[in-house]
Protein backbone atom coordinates (compact mmCIF):
# COMPACT_ATOMS: atom_id res chain seq x y z
CA UNK A 1 0.00 0.00 0.00
CA UNK A 2 1.31 3.42 -0.93
CA UNK A 3 2.44 5.89 1.71
CA UNK A 4 0.32 8.53 -0.02
CA UNK A 5 -2.95 7.22 1.48
CA UNK A 6 -3.22 10.09 3.96
CA UNK A 7 -1.38 13.12 5.34
CA UNK A 8 1.16 12.56 8.06
CA UNK A 9 0.74 14.03 11.56
CA UNK A 10 3.62 16.39 10.85
CA UNK A 11 1.68 17.76 7.87
CA UNK A 12 -1.25 18.60 10.21
CA UNK A 13 0.84 20.39 12.80
CA UNK A 14 1.45 23.81 11.18
CA UNK A 15 -2.28 24.48 10.49
CA UNK A 16 -3.14 23.58 14.10
CA UNK A 17 -0.51 25.94 15.44
CA UNK A 18 -1.71 28.69 13.13
CA UNK A 19 -5.34 28.12 14.14
CA UNK A 20 -4.42 28.14 17.82
CA UNK A 21 -2.56 31.41 17.37
CA UNK A 22 -5.47 32.93 15.49
CA UNK A 23 -7.86 31.89 18.28
CA UNK A 24 -5.65 33.57 20.88
CA UNK A 25 -5.35 36.74 18.80
CA UNK A 26 -9.10 36.79 18.19
CA UNK A 27 -9.91 36.35 21.88
CA UNK A 28 -7.40 39.01 22.91
CA UNK A 29 -8.75 41.36 20.27
CA UNK A 30 -12.31 40.87 21.53
CA UNK A 31 -11.26 41.61 25.10
CA UNK A 32 -9.38 44.74 24.02
CA UNK A 33 -12.35 45.88 21.92
CA UNK A 34 -14.77 45.44 24.82
CA UNK A 35 -12.37 47.26 27.15
CA UNK A 36 -12.02 50.18 24.74
CA UNK A 37 -15.80 50.34 24.31
CA UNK A 38 -16.33 50.44 28.07
CA UNK A 39 -13.63 53.09 28.41
CA UNK A 40 -15.28 55.18 25.69
CA UNK A 41 -18.58 55.04 27.57
CA UNK A 42 -17.19 55.50 31.08
CA UNK A 43 -14.24 57.85 30.58
CA UNK A 44 -12.46 55.97 33.40
CA UNK A 45 -9.64 53.42 33.23
CA UNK A 46 -10.06 50.76 34.31
CA UNK A 47 -13.86 50.97 33.81
CA UNK A 48 -14.49 47.81 35.86
CA UNK A 49 -13.36 47.37 39.45
CA UNK A 50 -13.52 44.37 41.78
CA UNK A 51 -14.83 44.81 45.32
CA UNK A 52 -12.65 43.29 48.05
CA UNK A 53 -14.49 44.15 51.30
CA UNK A 54 -18.01 44.10 52.74
CA UNK A 55 -18.52 47.70 53.86
CA UNK A 56 -21.08 48.39 51.11
CA UNK A 57 -23.15 45.28 51.86
CA UNK A 58 -25.82 44.41 50.96
CA UNK A 59 -26.04 46.82 48.03
CA UNK A 60 -22.54 46.16 46.68
CA UNK A 61 -20.96 42.96 47.95
CA UNK A 62 -17.47 41.56 48.18
CA UNK A 63 -16.61 39.84 44.91
CA UNK A 64 -18.86 42.04 42.77
CA UNK A 65 -17.55 43.61 39.59
CA UNK A 66 -18.62 47.27 39.35
CA UNK A 67 -18.80 49.51 36.29
CA UNK A 68 -17.44 52.98 37.07
CA UNK A 69 -18.18 56.14 35.09
CA UNK A 70 -16.55 59.56 35.06
CA UNK A 71 -18.64 61.54 37.53
CA UNK A 72 -19.50 64.45 35.25
CA UNK A 73 -20.58 62.43 32.19
CA UNK A 74 -24.22 61.93 33.14
CA UNK A 75 -24.55 63.96 36.33
CA UNK A 76 -27.92 63.79 38.04
CA UNK A 77 -29.96 66.64 39.41
CA UNK A 78 -28.74 68.46 42.53
CA UNK A 79 -25.17 67.40 41.83
CA UNK A 80 -22.02 68.80 43.43
CA UNK A 81 -19.05 68.45 41.06
CA UNK A 82 -20.96 65.80 39.13
CA UNK A 83 -21.89 63.83 42.27
CA UNK A 84 -25.36 63.70 43.82
CA UNK A 85 -25.07 63.41 47.61
CA UNK A 86 -27.53 61.55 49.81
CA UNK A 87 -28.66 64.79 51.47
CA UNK A 88 -29.36 66.45 48.10
CA UNK A 89 -30.79 63.36 46.40
CA UNK A 90 -34.48 64.43 46.35
CA UNK A 91 -35.64 60.99 45.23
CA UNK A 92 -32.48 60.10 43.30
CA UNK A 93 -31.07 56.70 44.28
CA UNK A 94 -28.12 54.48 43.43
CA UNK A 95 -27.84 50.90 44.61
CA UNK A 96 -31.13 51.12 46.55
CA UNK A 97 -30.13 54.15 48.64
CA UNK A 98 -30.16 57.96 48.16
CA UNK A 99 -27.07 59.53 46.61
CA UNK A 100 -24.21 58.47 44.36
CA UNK A 101 -21.66 55.83 45.25
CA UNK A 102 -18.21 57.19 44.40
CA UNK A 103 -14.78 55.68 43.89
CA UNK A 104 -12.08 57.91 45.34
CA UNK A 105 -8.44 58.07 46.35
CA UNK A 106 -8.34 58.44 50.17
CA UNK A 107 -6.61 61.73 51.03
CA UNK A 108 -5.79 62.04 47.34
CA UNK A 109 -3.09 59.38 47.70
CA UNK A 110 -2.87 57.39 44.47
CA UNK A 111 -0.64 54.81 46.17
CA UNK A 112 -3.48 53.70 48.42
CA UNK A 113 -6.23 51.35 47.30
CA UNK A 114 -9.24 53.33 46.05
CA UNK A 115 -12.37 53.36 48.23
CA UNK A 116 -15.94 52.86 47.00
CA UNK A 117 -18.43 54.50 49.38
CA UNK A 118 -21.56 56.64 49.27
CA UNK A 119 -21.35 60.44 49.13
CA UNK A 120 -23.48 61.58 52.09
CA UNK A 121 -23.16 65.38 51.85
CA UNK A 122 -20.78 68.09 50.70
CA UNK A 123 -19.08 70.61 53.01
CA UNK A 124 -17.38 73.87 52.12
CA UNK A 125 -14.03 74.96 53.54
CA UNK A 126 -14.25 76.02 57.19
CA UNK A 127 -17.65 74.38 57.69
CA UNK A 128 -18.82 73.12 61.06
CA UNK A 129 -20.52 70.06 59.63
CA UNK A 130 -21.46 68.41 62.91
CA UNK A 131 -24.92 69.95 62.75
CA UNK A 132 -25.50 68.42 59.31
CA UNK A 133 -24.28 64.99 60.31
CA UNK A 134 -26.47 62.09 61.40
CA UNK A 135 -25.71 61.63 65.14
CA UNK A 136 -25.74 57.88 64.58
CA UNK A 137 -22.60 58.09 62.43
CA UNK A 138 -20.30 60.46 64.35
CA UNK A 139 -18.99 58.00 66.92
CA UNK A 140 -18.63 59.46 70.42
CA UNK A 141 -18.36 63.07 69.27
CA UNK A 142 -20.80 65.51 70.89
CA UNK A 143 -19.75 68.59 68.93
CA UNK A 144 -17.49 69.79 66.13
CA UNK A 145 -14.48 70.14 68.44
CA UNK A 146 -14.66 66.42 69.24
CA UNK A 147 -15.13 65.43 65.61
CA UNK A 148 -12.12 64.70 63.41
CA UNK A 149 -11.90 66.86 60.27
CA UNK A 150 -14.35 69.39 61.73
CA UNK A 151 -14.38 72.17 60.85
CA UNK A 152 -12.92 71.52 57.43
CA UNK A 153 -9.64 73.38 57.09
CA UNK A 154 -8.14 72.26 53.79
CA UNK A 155 -10.84 73.00 51.24
CA UNK A 156 -14.30 71.52 50.85
CA UNK A 157 -15.16 67.92 50.15
CA UNK A 158 -17.59 65.05 50.42
CA UNK A 159 -18.45 63.33 53.69
CA UNK A 160 -18.65 59.65 52.77
CA UNK A 161 -19.74 56.38 54.36
CA UNK A 162 -19.97 52.71 53.55
CA UNK A 163 -23.57 51.49 53.64
CA UNK A 164 -22.55 48.73 56.04
CA UNK A 165 -20.36 50.94 58.27
CA UNK A 166 -21.46 52.55 61.53
CA UNK A 167 -19.70 55.90 61.07
CA UNK A 168 -18.58 58.36 58.43
CA UNK A 169 -15.19 57.82 56.81
CA UNK A 170 -14.04 61.19 58.18
CA UNK A 171 -14.74 60.29 61.84
CA UNK A 172 -12.18 59.10 64.37
CA UNK A 173 -8.44 59.45 64.85
CA UNK A 174 -7.86 56.74 62.25
CA UNK A 175 -10.37 58.09 59.76
CA UNK A 176 -10.32 56.57 56.28
CA UNK A 177 -9.97 59.94 54.60
CA UNK A 178 -10.33 63.67 55.02
CA UNK A 179 -13.42 65.15 53.33
CA UNK A 180 -13.10 63.90 49.77
CA UNK A 181 -12.15 66.70 47.40
CA UNK A 182 -13.76 66.58 43.94
CA UNK A 183 -10.35 66.04 42.31
CA UNK A 184 -9.88 62.87 44.38
CA UNK A 185 -13.00 61.31 42.88
CA UNK A 186 -12.22 58.73 40.20
CA UNK A 187 -15.83 58.20 39.18
CA UNK A 188 -19.30 57.05 40.20
CA UNK A 189 -20.37 53.43 40.52
CA UNK A 190 -23.15 52.69 38.03
CA UNK A 191 -23.80 48.94 37.81
CA UNK A 192 -22.61 45.77 39.49
CA UNK A 193 -22.22 42.19 38.32
CA UNK A 194 -22.46 39.83 41.31
CA UNK A 195 -19.52 37.51 41.97
CA UNK A 196 -17.74 38.22 38.68
CA UNK A 197 -15.16 40.26 40.55
CA UNK A 198 -13.95 37.09 42.27
CA UNK A 199 -12.12 36.21 39.06
CA UNK A 200 -10.19 39.45 39.14
CA UNK A 201 -9.59 39.22 42.89
CA UNK A 202 -8.09 35.78 42.37
CA UNK A 203 -5.79 37.21 39.71
CA UNK A 204 -4.95 40.14 41.98
CA UNK A 205 -3.75 37.83 44.72
CA UNK A 206 -1.06 36.71 42.33
CA UNK A 207 -0.25 39.95 40.50
CA UNK A 208 -1.72 42.68 42.74
CA UNK A 209 -2.86 45.35 40.25
CA UNK A 210 -5.38 48.01 41.28
CA UNK A 211 -8.49 46.78 43.04
CA UNK A 212 -11.12 48.67 44.99
CA UNK A 213 -11.93 48.22 48.65
CA UNK A 214 -15.23 49.15 50.19
CA UNK A 215 -13.31 50.43 53.19
């Protein structure tokens, strides 16, 4: 019988390698295209962030993947620097509660992990904001003098809080952040995909790129 009855395995190998390479390139291209599309819509990079703590439970949970948008792109009514606070919401809600949820750099430090918390109200420079605060969220403070970051003395900013936390981020000697200046805001959280962030968190444990903590 002739040896020309069929192609040898070595003859099949180059097409398989080429096809495999094309599949990889196609998949990578699709991912890049989706990423660029999301960036075009959001104006923020990266447009998707993984949540690594439970301080926004139950509205945003650990392991969720959240789509973040530049705060001034589609600002709602009663906004301050593109952000609608809980006190100014007037019926506006995000993630089942009044006010926008923002992603920000604590104290403007881009070396720290960004925080994703709700903007409660905005204070101007020199403001005694104790009277505007919910007494339930100011810890043991009985007045402005006993409240960290009160009065504000380094420009105005947002008073923020995790939905699952028992005090504002600006309260206490070890406060998460000073009042959040508008320039520290990366964007507003718009949508969440439950559990999908676990994939990125797993990758982060090995490579440690930017993730977002709920504080």
